[in-house]
Amino acid sequence: MLFIVHFHDNETAEPDLRARYMAAHLAFLGDHKGQIQAAGPLKEQDGQIKSGLWLVDVESADAAWALVHADPFWPTGLRDRVEIKQWAQVFADGEALI
């Protein structure tokens, strides 16, 4: 099943948290490339990063939550809120999938 994981940053977190833990975060993403299909920041109109998004292919929302909690960013306080929603892809590469 495909899930979208939408992370919202904690605006009161230390400003350098993302930079300090980025190498560990990227290594984590690489280690889980079979489950985390895509990942990246969401930029505001002014270019600031205040959230991020993953597309994960796992068996359940609980499995997606397990990935979130295993991410090195999780215990740092960088994340304020996380939303996980199942995604039903109906269009890709110029073609309908249903």
PDB file of N, CA and C in Angstrom:
ATOM      1  N   MET A   1       0.837  -1.178   0.000  1.00  0.00           N
ATOM      2  CA  MET A   1       0.000   0.000   0.000  1.00  0.00           C
ATOM      3  C   MET A   1       0.884   1.244   0.000  1.00  0.00           C
ATOM      4  N   LEU A   2       0.423   2.254  -0.673  1.00  0.00           N
ATOM      5  CA  LEU A   2       1.154   3.521  -0.695  1.00  0.00           C
ATOM      6  C   LEU A   2       0.584   4.470   0.359  1.00  0.00           C
ATOM      7  N   PHE A   3       1.496   5.140   1.050  1.00  0.00           N
ATOM      8  CA  PHE A   3       1.120   6.130   2.046  1.00  0.00           C
ATOM      9  C   PHE A   3       1.913   7.405   1.815  1.00  0.00           C
ATOM     10  N   ILE A   4       1.274   8.520   2.081  1.00  0.00           N
ATOM     11  CA  ILE A   4       1.932   9.818   2.101  1.00  0.00           C
ATOM     12  C   ILE A   4       2.186  10.157   3.559  1.00  0.00           C
ATOM     13  N   VAL A   5       3.419  10.528   3.869  1.00  0.00           N
ATOM     14  CA  VAL A   5       3.779  10.965   5.213  1.00  0.00           C
ATOM     15  C   VAL A   5       4.142  12.446   5.106  1.00  0.00           C
ATOM     16  N   HIS A   6       3.363  13.288   5.758  1.00  0.00           N
ATOM     17  CA  HIS A   6       3.574  14.740   5.702  1.00  0.00           C
ATOM     18  C   HIS A   6       4.073  15.206   7.064  1.00  0.00           C
ATOM     19  N   PHE A   7       5.292  15.701   7.076  1.00  0.00           N
ATOM     20  CA  PHE A   7       5.923  16.189   8.303  1.00  0.00           C
ATOM     21  C   PHE A   7       5.781  17.695   8.391  1.00  0.00           C
ATOM     22  N   HIS A   8       5.469  18.189   9.564  1.00  0.00           N
ATOM     23  CA  HIS A   8       5.431  19.628   9.832  1.00  0.00           C
ATOM     24  C   HIS A   8       6.501  19.914  10.875  1.00  0.00           C
ATOM     25  N   ASP A   9       7.368  20.877  10.586  1.00  0.00           N
ATOM     26  CA  ASP A   9       8.450  21.193  11.507  1.00  0.00           C
ATOM     27  C   ASP A   9       7.964  21.936  12.736  1.00  0.00           C
ATOM     28  N   ASN A  10       8.684  21.739  13.814  1.00  0.00           N
ATOM     29  CA  ASN A  10       8.467  22.454  15.056  1.00  0.00           C
ATOM     30  C   ASN A  10       9.149  23.815  14.923  1.00  0.00           C
ATOM     31  N   GLU A  11       8.375  24.866  14.901  1.00  0.00           N
ATOM     32  CA  GLU A  11       8.941  26.201  14.677  1.00  0.00           C
ATOM     33  C   GLU A  11       9.791  26.683  15.840  1.00  0.00           C
ATOM     34  N   THR A  12       9.703  26.026  16.993  1.00  0.00           N
ATOM     35  CA  THR A  12      10.526  26.424  18.138  1.00  0.00           C
ATOM     36  C   THR A  12      11.760  25.534  18.292  1.00  0.00           C
ATOM     37  N   ALA A  13      11.987  24.598  17.356  1.00  0.00           N
ATOM     38  CA  ALA A  13      13.149  23.716  17.414  1.00  0.00           C
ATOM     39  C   ALA A  13      14.424  24.518  17.153  1.00  0.00           C
ATOM     40  N   GLU A  14      15.530  24.004  17.643  1.00  0.00           N
ATOM     41  CA  GLU A  14      16.819  24.646  17.398  1.00  0.00           C
ATOM     42  C   GLU A  14      17.035  24.803  15.898  1.00  0.00           C
ATOM     43  N   PRO A  15      17.489  25.965  15.458  1.00  0.00           N
ATOM     44  CA  PRO A  15      17.601  26.223  14.016  1.00  0.00           C
ATOM     45  C   PRO A  15      18.570  25.313  13.266  1.00  0.00           C
ATOM     46  N   ASP A  16      19.563  24.751  13.941  1.00  0.00           N
ATOM     47  CA  ASP A  16      20.559  23.940  13.233  1.00  0.00           C
ATOM     48  C   ASP A  16      20.277  22.432  13.285  1.00  0.00           C
ATOM     49  N   LEU A  17      19.130  22.025  13.830  1.00  0.00           N
ATOM     50  CA  LEU A  17      18.831  20.594  13.949  1.00  0.00           C
ATOM     51  C   LEU A  17      18.856  19.878  12.608  1.00  0.00           C
ATOM     52  N   ARG A  18      18.239  20.457  11.611  1.00  0.00           N
ATOM     53  CA  ARG A  18      18.176  19.802  10.296  1.00  0.00           C
ATOM     54  C   ARG A  18      19.588  19.555   9.757  1.00  0.00           C
ATOM     55  N   ALA A  19      20.422  20.568   9.817  1.00  0.00           N
ATOM     56  CA  ALA A  19      21.791  20.427   9.297  1.00  0.00           C
ATOM     57  C   ALA A  19      22.596  19.409  10.114  1.00  0.00           C
ATOM     58  N   ARG A  20      22.442  19.414  11.437  1.00  0.00           N
ATOM     59  CA  ARG A  20      23.199  18.507  12.303  1.00  0.00           C
ATOM     60  C   ARG A  20      22.865  17.045  12.053  1.00  0.00           C
ATOM     61  N   TYR A  21      21.609  16.748  11.753  1.00  0.00           N
ATOM     62  CA  TYR A  21      21.179  15.364  11.610  1.00  0.00           C
ATOM     63  C   TYR A  21      20.930  14.941  10.159  1.00  0.00           C
ATOM     64  N   MET A  22      21.222  15.807   9.210  1.00  0.00           N
ATOM     65  CA  MET A  22      20.913  15.507   7.808  1.00  0.00           C
ATOM     66  C   MET A  22      21.650  14.274   7.299  1.00  0.00           C
ATOM     67  N   ALA A  23      22.934  14.123   7.616  1.00  0.00           N
ATOM     68  CA  ALA A  23      23.682  12.965   7.115  1.00  0.00           C
ATOM     69  C   ALA A  23      23.064  11.661   7.639  1.00  0.00           C
ATOM     70  N   ALA A  24      22.713  11.622   8.916  1.00  0.00           N
ATOM     71  CA  ALA A  24      22.089  10.418   9.487  1.00  0.00           C
ATOM     72  C   ALA A  24      20.711  10.178   8.878  1.00  0.00           C
ATOM     73  N   HIS A  25      19.962  11.267   8.651  1.00  0.00           N
ATOM     74  CA  HIS A  25      18.641  11.163   8.034  1.00  0.00           C
ATOM     75  C   HIS A  25      18.743  10.601   6.615  1.00  0.00           C
ATOM     76  N   LEU A  26      19.673  11.116   5.825  1.00  0.00           N
ATOM     77  CA  LEU A  26      19.849  10.634   4.452  1.00  0.00           C
ATOM     78  C   LEU A  26      20.311   9.178   4.427  1.00  0.00           C
ATOM     79  N   ALA A  27      21.181   8.802   5.367  1.00  0.00           N
ATOM     80  CA  ALA A  27      21.607   7.402   5.455  1.00  0.00           C
ATOM     81  C   ALA A  27      20.412   6.507   5.794  1.00  0.00           C
ATOM     82  N   PHE A  28      19.554   6.972   6.688  1.00  0.00           N
ATOM     83  CA  PHE A  28      18.338   6.231   7.048  1.00  0.00           C
ATOM     84  C   PHE A  28      17.455   6.039   5.819  1.00  0.00           C
ATOM     85  N   LEU A  29      17.253   7.111   5.056  1.00  0.00           N
ATOM     86  CA  LEU A  29      16.429   6.999   3.845  1.00  0.00           C
ATOM     87  C   LEU A  29      17.024   5.968   2.894  1.00  0.00           C
ATOM     88  N   GLY A  30      18.336   6.000   2.718  1.00  0.00           N
ATOM     89  CA  GLY A  30      18.999   5.030   1.849  1.00  0.00           C
ATOM     90  C   GLY A  30      18.847   3.602   2.343  1.00  0.00           C
ATOM     91  N   ASP A  31      18.945   3.423   3.654  1.00  0.00           N
ATOM     92  CA  ASP A  31      18.795   2.094   4.240  1.00  0.00           C
ATOM     93  C   ASP A  31      17.382   1.540   4.084  1.00  0.00           C
ATOM     94  N   HIS A  32      16.416   2.436   3.868  1.00  0.00           N
ATOM     95  CA  HIS A  32      15.007   2.032   3.747  1.00  0.00           C
ATOM     96  C   HIS A  32      14.432   2.334   2.357  1.00  0.00           C
ATOM     97  N   LYS A  33      15.307   2.326   1.355  1.00  0.00           N
ATOM     98  CA  LYS A  33      14.876   2.690   0.000  1.00  0.00           C
ATOM     99  C   LYS A  33      13.841   1.738  -0.577  1.00  0.00           C
ATOM    100  N   GLY A  34      13.734   0.537  -0.040  1.00  0.00           N
ATOM    101  CA  GLY A  34      12.700  -0.385  -0.495  1.00  0.00           C
ATOM    102  C   GLY A  34      11.312  -0.003  -0.013  1.00  0.00           C
ATOM    103  N   GLN A  35      11.257   0.784   1.037  1.00  0.00           N
ATOM    104  CA  GLN A  35       9.983   1.210   1.595  1.00  0.00           C
ATOM    105  C   GLN A  35       9.705   2.689   1.333  1.00  0.00           C
ATOM    106  N   ILE A  36      10.733   3.511   1.460  1.00  0.00           N
ATOM    107  CA  ILE A  36      10.569   4.951   1.238  1.00  0.00           C
ATOM    108  C   ILE A  36      10.891   5.220  -0.226  1.00  0.00           C
ATOM    109  N   GLN A  37       9.840   5.393  -1.031  1.00  0.00           N
ATOM    110  CA  GLN A  37       9.988   5.532  -2.481  1.00  0.00           C
ATOM    111  C   GLN A  37      10.511   6.905  -2.898  1.00  0.00           C
ATOM    112  N   ALA A  38      10.131   7.923  -2.142  1.00  0.00           N
ATOM    113  CA  ALA A  38      10.558   9.298  -2.442  1.00  0.00           C
ATOM    114  C   ALA A  38      10.477  10.097  -1.144  1.00  0.00           C
ATOM    115  N   ALA A  39      11.330  11.103  -1.037  1.00  0.00           N
ATOM    116  CA  ALA A  39      11.342  11.936   0.167  1.00  0.00           C
ATOM    117  C   ALA A  39      11.948  13.292  -0.180  1.00  0.00           C
ATOM    118  N   GLY A  40      11.480  14.305   0.513  1.00  0.00           N
ATOM    119  CA  GLY A  40      12.075  15.617   0.309  1.00  0.00           C
ATOM    120  C   GLY A  40      11.325  16.708   1.038  1.00  0.00           C
ATOM    121  N   PRO A  41      11.970  17.876   1.127  1.00  0.00           N
ATOM    122  CA  PRO A  41      11.347  19.007   1.810  1.00  0.00           C
ATOM    123  C   PRO A  41      10.267  19.650   0.960  1.00  0.00           C
ATOM    124  N   LEU A  42       9.352  20.324   1.635  1.00  0.00           N
ATOM    125  CA  LEU A  42       8.352  21.155   0.976  1.00  0.00           C
ATOM    126  C   LEU A  42       8.729  22.599   1.276  1.00  0.00           C
ATOM    127  N   LYS A  43       8.930  23.373   0.247  1.00  0.00           N
ATOM    128  CA  LYS A  43       9.362  24.755   0.431  1.00  0.00           C
ATOM    129  C   LYS A  43       8.177  25.709   0.390  1.00  0.00           C
ATOM    130  N   GLU A  44       8.230  26.674   1.269  1.00  0.00           N
ATOM    131  CA  GLU A  44       7.238  27.743   1.282  1.00  0.00           C
ATOM    132  C   GLU A  44       7.508  28.678   0.108  1.00  0.00           C
ATOM    133  N   GLN A  45       6.619  29.602  -0.155  1.00  0.00           N
ATOM    134  CA  GLN A  45       6.804  30.540  -1.271  1.00  0.00           C
ATOM    135  C   GLN A  45       8.080  31.356  -1.116  1.00  0.00           C
ATOM    136  N   ASP A  46       8.501  31.599   0.129  1.00  0.00           N
ATOM    137  CA  ASP A  46       9.726  32.364   0.354  1.00  0.00           C
ATOM    138  C   ASP A  46      10.980  31.485   0.326  1.00  0.00           C
ATOM    139  N   GLY A  47      10.821  30.198   0.038  1.00  0.00           N
ATOM    140  CA  GLY A  47      11.946  29.283  -0.060  1.00  0.00           C
ATOM    141  C   GLY A  47      12.305  28.575   1.232  1.00  0.00           C
ATOM    142  N   GLN A  48      11.693  28.951   2.340  1.00  0.00           N
ATOM    143  CA  GLN A  48      11.999  28.307   3.610  1.00  0.00           C
ATOM    144  C   GLN A  48      11.393  26.913   3.664  1.00  0.00           C
ATOM    145  N   ILE A  49      12.102  26.028   4.342  1.00  0.00           N
ATOM    146  CA  ILE A  49      11.630  24.658   4.537  1.00  0.00           C
ATOM    147  C   ILE A  49      10.988  24.582   5.911  1.00  0.00           C
ATOM    148  N   LYS A  50       9.706  24.219   5.919  1.00  0.00           N
ATOM    149  CA  LYS A  50       8.972  24.083   7.169  1.00  0.00           C
ATOM    150  C   LYS A  50       8.238  22.754   7.264  1.00  0.00           C
ATOM    151  N   SER A  51       8.405  21.925   6.232  1.00  0.00           N
ATOM    152  CA  SER A  51       7.733  20.631   6.230  1.00  0.00           C
ATOM    153  C   SER A  51       8.410  19.717   5.220  1.00  0.00           C
ATOM    154  N   GLY A  52       8.001  18.466   5.225  1.00  0.00           N
ATOM    155  CA  GLY A  52       8.565  17.501   4.296  1.00  0.00           C
ATOM    156  C   GLY A  52       7.548  16.433   3.961  1.00  0.00           C
ATOM    157  N   LEU A  53       7.891  15.616   2.968  1.00  0.00           N
ATOM    158  CA  LEU A  53       6.954  14.610   2.484  1.00  0.00           C
ATOM    159  C   LEU A  53       7.706  13.342   2.123  1.00  0.00           C
ATOM    160  N   TRP A  54       7.138  12.208   2.489  1.00  0.00           N
ATOM    161  CA  TRP A  54       7.613  10.908   2.036  1.00  0.00           C
ATOM    162  C   TRP A  54       6.476  10.211   1.306  1.00  0.00           C
ATOM    163  N   LEU A  55       6.840   9.409   0.333  1.00  0.00           N
ATOM    164  CA  LEU A  55       5.934   8.449  -0.282  1.00  0.00           C
ATOM    165  C   LEU A  55       6.476   7.084   0.114  1.00  0.00           C
ATOM    166  N   VAL A  56       5.690   6.323   0.879  1.00  0.00           N
ATOM    167  CA  VAL A  56       6.163   5.034   1.364  1.00  0.00           C
ATOM    168  C   VAL A  56       5.277   3.905   0.866  1.00  0.00           C
ATOM    169  N   ASP A  57       5.902   2.777   0.618  1.00  0.00           N
ATOM    170  CA  ASP A  57       5.203   1.572   0.189  1.00  0.00           C
ATOM    171  C   ASP A  57       5.386   0.535   1.293  1.00  0.00           C
ATOM    172  N   VAL A  58       4.379   0.419   2.156  1.00  0.00           N
ATOM    173  CA  VAL A  58       4.416  -0.490   3.297  1.00  0.00           C
ATOM    174  C   VAL A  58       3.052  -1.165   3.447  1.00  0.00           C
ATOM    175  N   GLU A  59       2.983  -2.129   4.325  1.00  0.00           N
ATOM    176  CA  GLU A  59       1.764  -2.921   4.500  1.00  0.00           C
ATOM    177  C   GLU A  59       0.645  -2.216   5.255  1.00  0.00           C
ATOM    178  N   SER A  60       1.003  -1.207   6.075  1.00  0.00           N
ATOM    179  CA  SER A  60      -0.022  -0.593   6.912  1.00  0.00           C
ATOM    180  C   SER A  60       0.443   0.784   7.382  1.00  0.00           C
ATOM    181  N   ALA A  61      -0.513   1.554   7.909  1.00  0.00           N
ATOM    182  CA  ALA A  61      -0.177   2.851   8.504  1.00  0.00           C
ATOM    183  C   ALA A  61       0.750   2.647   9.699  1.00  0.00           C
ATOM    184  N   ASP A  62       0.572   1.555  10.440  1.00  0.00           N
ATOM    185  CA  ASP A  62       1.459   1.271  11.570  1.00  0.00           C
ATOM    186  C   ASP A  62       2.904   1.102  11.108  1.00  0.00           C
ATOM    187  N   ALA A  63       3.096   0.458   9.963  1.00  0.00           N
ATOM    188  CA  ALA A  63       4.444   0.291   9.419  1.00  0.00           C
ATOM    189  C   ALA A  63       5.028   1.637   8.997  1.00  0.00           C
ATOM    190  N   ALA A  64       4.189   2.522   8.475  1.00  0.00           N
ATOM    191  CA  ALA A  64       4.657   3.872   8.130  1.00  0.00           C
ATOM    192  C   ALA A  64       5.069   4.627   9.392  1.00  0.00           C
ATOM    193  N   TRP A  65       4.255   4.496  10.450  1.00  0.00           N
ATOM    194  CA  TRP A  65       4.603   5.133  11.730  1.00  0.00           C
ATOM    195  C   TRP A  65       5.918   4.585  12.272  1.00  0.00           C
ATOM    196  N   ALA A  66       6.159   3.299  12.112  1.00  0.00           N
ATOM    197  CA  ALA A  66       7.414   2.705  12.580  1.00  0.00           C
ATOM    198  C   ALA A  66       8.606   3.341  11.874  1.00  0.00           C
ATOM    199  N   LEU A  67       8.479   3.602  10.585  1.00  0.00           N
ATOM    200  CA  LEU A  67       9.551   4.294   9.860  1.00  0.00           C
ATOM    201  C   LEU A  67       9.759   5.706  10.403  1.00  0.00           C
ATOM    202  N   VAL A  68       8.672   6.417  10.619  1.00  0.00           N
ATOM    203  CA  VAL A  68       8.762   7.782  11.157  1.00  0.00           C
ATOM    204  C   VAL A  68       9.524   7.779  12.478  1.00  0.00           C
ATOM    205  N   HIS A  69       9.168   6.858  13.349  1.00  0.00           N
ATOM    206  CA  HIS A  69       9.787   6.819  14.676  1.00  0.00           C
ATOM    207  C   HIS A  69      11.239   6.348  14.644  1.00  0.00           C
ATOM    208  N   ALA A  70      11.646   5.636  13.581  1.00  0.00           N
ATOM    209  CA  ALA A  70      13.022   5.167  13.438  1.00  0.00           C
ATOM    210  C   ALA A  70      13.940   6.213  12.791  1.00  0.00           C
ATOM    211  N   ASP A  71      13.367   7.227  12.159  1.00  0.00           N
ATOM    212  CA  ASP A  71      14.133   8.276  11.482  1.00  0.00           C
ATOM    213  C   ASP A  71      14.957   9.056  12.510  1.00  0.00           C
ATOM    214  N   PRO A  72      16.243   9.285  12.253  1.00  0.00           N
ATOM    215  CA  PRO A  72      17.073  10.056  13.188  1.00  0.00           C
ATOM    216  C   PRO A  72      16.541  11.461  13.482  1.00  0.00           C
ATOM    217  N   PHE A  73      15.732  12.029  12.613  1.00  0.00           N
ATOM    218  CA  PHE A  73      15.127  13.333  12.905  1.00  0.00           C
ATOM    219  C   PHE A  73      14.099  13.244  14.042  1.00  0.00           C
ATOM    220  N   TRP A  74      13.445  12.082  14.205  1.00  0.00           N
ATOM    221  CA  TRP A  74      12.316  11.977  15.128  1.00  0.00           C
ATOM    222  C   TRP A  74      12.645  12.399  16.564  1.00  0.00           C
ATOM    223  N   PRO A  75      13.698  11.865  17.203  1.00  0.00           N
ATOM    224  CA  PRO A  75      13.920  12.207  18.618  1.00  0.00           C
ATOM    225  C   PRO A  75      14.502  13.605  18.842  1.00  0.00           C
ATOM    226  N   THR A  76      14.821  14.327  17.787  1.00  0.00           N
ATOM    227  CA  THR A  76      15.475  15.635  17.939  1.00  0.00           C
ATOM    228  C   THR A  76      14.521  16.762  18.313  1.00  0.00           C
ATOM    229  N   GLY A  77      13.228  16.568  18.073  1.00  0.00           N
ATOM    230  CA  GLY A  77      12.267  17.648  18.295  1.00  0.00           C
ATOM    231  C   GLY A  77      12.033  18.490  17.055  1.00  0.00           C
ATOM    232  N   LEU A  78      12.651  18.115  15.932  1.00  0.00           N
ATOM    233  CA  LEU A  78      12.454  18.869  14.683  1.00  0.00           C
ATOM    234  C   LEU A  78      11.013  18.754  14.193  1.00  0.00           C
ATOM    235  N   ARG A  79      10.435  17.579  14.349  1.00  0.00           N
ATOM    236  CA  ARG A  79       9.072  17.352  13.863  1.00  0.00           C
ATOM    237  C   ARG A  79       8.058  17.799  14.916  1.00  0.00           C
ATOM    238  N   ASP A  80       7.074  18.554  14.483  1.00  0.00           N
ATOM    239  CA  ASP A  80       6.017  19.014  15.378  1.00  0.00           C
ATOM    240  C   ASP A  80       4.763  18.163  15.219  1.00  0.00           C
ATOM    241  N   ARG A  81       4.456  17.855  13.961  1.00  0.00           N
ATOM    242  CA  ARG A  81       3.220  17.126  13.654  1.00  0.00           C
ATOM    243  C   ARG A  81       3.471  16.267  12.432  1.00  0.00           C
ATOM    244  N   VAL A  82       2.872  15.087  12.414  1.00  0.00           N
ATOM    245  CA  VAL A  82       3.017  14.164  11.287  1.00  0.00           C
ATOM    246  C   VAL A  82       1.633  13.665  10.901  1.00  0.00           C
ATOM    247  N   GLU A  83       1.354  13.683   9.611  1.00  0.00           N
ATOM    248  CA  GLU A  83       0.108  13.126   9.082  1.00  0.00           C
ATOM    249  C   GLU A  83       0.466  11.964   8.162  1.00  0.00           C
ATOM    250  N   ILE A  84      -0.222  10.853   8.315  1.00  0.00           N
ATOM    251  CA  ILE A  84      -0.020   9.697   7.444  1.00  0.00           C
ATOM    252  C   ILE A  84      -1.371   9.341   6.841  1.00  0.00           C
ATOM    253  N   LYS A  85      -1.383   9.303   5.517  1.00  0.00           N
ATOM    254  CA  LYS A  85      -2.623   8.990   4.800  1.00  0.00           C
ATOM    255  C   LYS A  85      -2.328   7.996   3.683  1.00  0.00           C
ATOM    256  N   GLN A  86      -3.234   7.026   3.538  1.00  0.00           N
ATOM    257  CA  GLN A  86      -3.096   6.092   2.426  1.00  0.00           C
ATOM    258  C   GLN A  86      -3.381   6.838   1.130  1.00  0.00           C
ATOM    259  N   TRP A  87      -2.601   6.511   0.110  1.00  0.00           N
ATOM    260  CA  TRP A  87      -2.720   7.194  -1.177  1.00  0.00           C
ATOM    261  C   TRP A  87      -3.076   6.177  -2.252  1.00  0.00           C
ATOM    262  N   ALA A  88      -4.078   6.487  -3.032  1.00  0.00           N
ATOM    263  CA  ALA A  88      -4.481   5.639  -4.148  1.00  0.00           C
ATOM    264  C   ALA A  88      -4.071   6.336  -5.444  1.00  0.00           C
ATOM    265  N   GLN A  89      -2.987   5.881  -6.018  1.00  0.00           N
ATOM    266  CA  GLN A  89      -2.504   6.480  -7.260  1.00  0.00           C
ATOM    267  C   GLN A  89      -3.397   6.036  -8.410  1.00  0.00           C
ATOM    268  N   VAL A  90      -3.898   7.002  -9.175  1.00  0.00           N
ATOM    269  CA  VAL A  90      -4.771   6.679 -10.303  1.00  0.00           C
ATOM    270  C   VAL A  90      -4.222   7.162 -11.646  1.00  0.00           C
ATOM    271  N   PHE A  91      -3.069   7.860 -11.605  1.00  0.00           N
ATOM    272  CA  PHE A  91      -2.511   8.402 -12.831  1.00  0.00           C
ATOM    273  C   PHE A  91      -1.000   8.448 -12.687  1.00  0.00           C
ATOM    274  N   ALA A  92      -0.258   7.974 -13.704  1.00  0.00           N
ATOM    275  CA  ALA A  92       1.199   8.014 -13.708  1.00  0.00           C
ATOM    276  C   ALA A  92       1.715   7.908 -15.131  1.00  0.00           C
ATOM    277  N   ASP A  93       2.807   8.589 -15.389  1.00  0.00           N
ATOM    278  CA  ASP A  93       3.466   8.521 -16.703  1.00  0.00           C
ATOM    279  C   ASP A  93       2.510   8.762 -17.867  1.00  0.00           C
ATOM    280  N   GLY A  94       1.565   9.683 -17.664  1.00  0.00           N
ATOM    281  CA  GLY A  94       0.658  10.048 -18.726  1.00  0.00           C
ATOM    282  C   GLY A  94      -0.504   9.097 -18.949  1.00  0.00           C
ATOM    283  N   GLU A  95      -0.674   8.133 -18.042  1.00  0.00           N
ATOM    284  CA  GLU A  95      -1.737   7.155 -18.242  1.00  0.00           C
ATOM    285  C   GLU A  95      -2.546   6.927 -16.969  1.00  0.00           C
ATOM    286  N   ALA A  96      -3.839   6.662 -17.163  1.00  0.00           N
ATOM    287  CA  ALA A  96      -4.701   6.293 -16.048  1.00  0.00           C
ATOM    288  C   ALA A  96      -4.345   4.880 -15.602  1.00  0.00           C
ATOM    289  N   LEU A  97      -4.349   4.647 -14.308  1.00  0.00           N
ATOM    290  CA  LEU A  97      -3.994   3.334 -13.756  1.00  0.00           C
ATOM    291  C   LEU A  97      -5.225   2.527 -13.346  1.00  0.00           C
ATOM    292  N   ILE A  98      -6.404   3.095 -13.561  1.00  0.00           N
ATOM    293  CA  ILE A  98      -7.616   2.362 -13.189  1.00  0.00           C
ATOM    294  C   ILE A  98      -8.487   2.162 -14.414  1.00  0.00           C
TER     295      ILE A  98
END
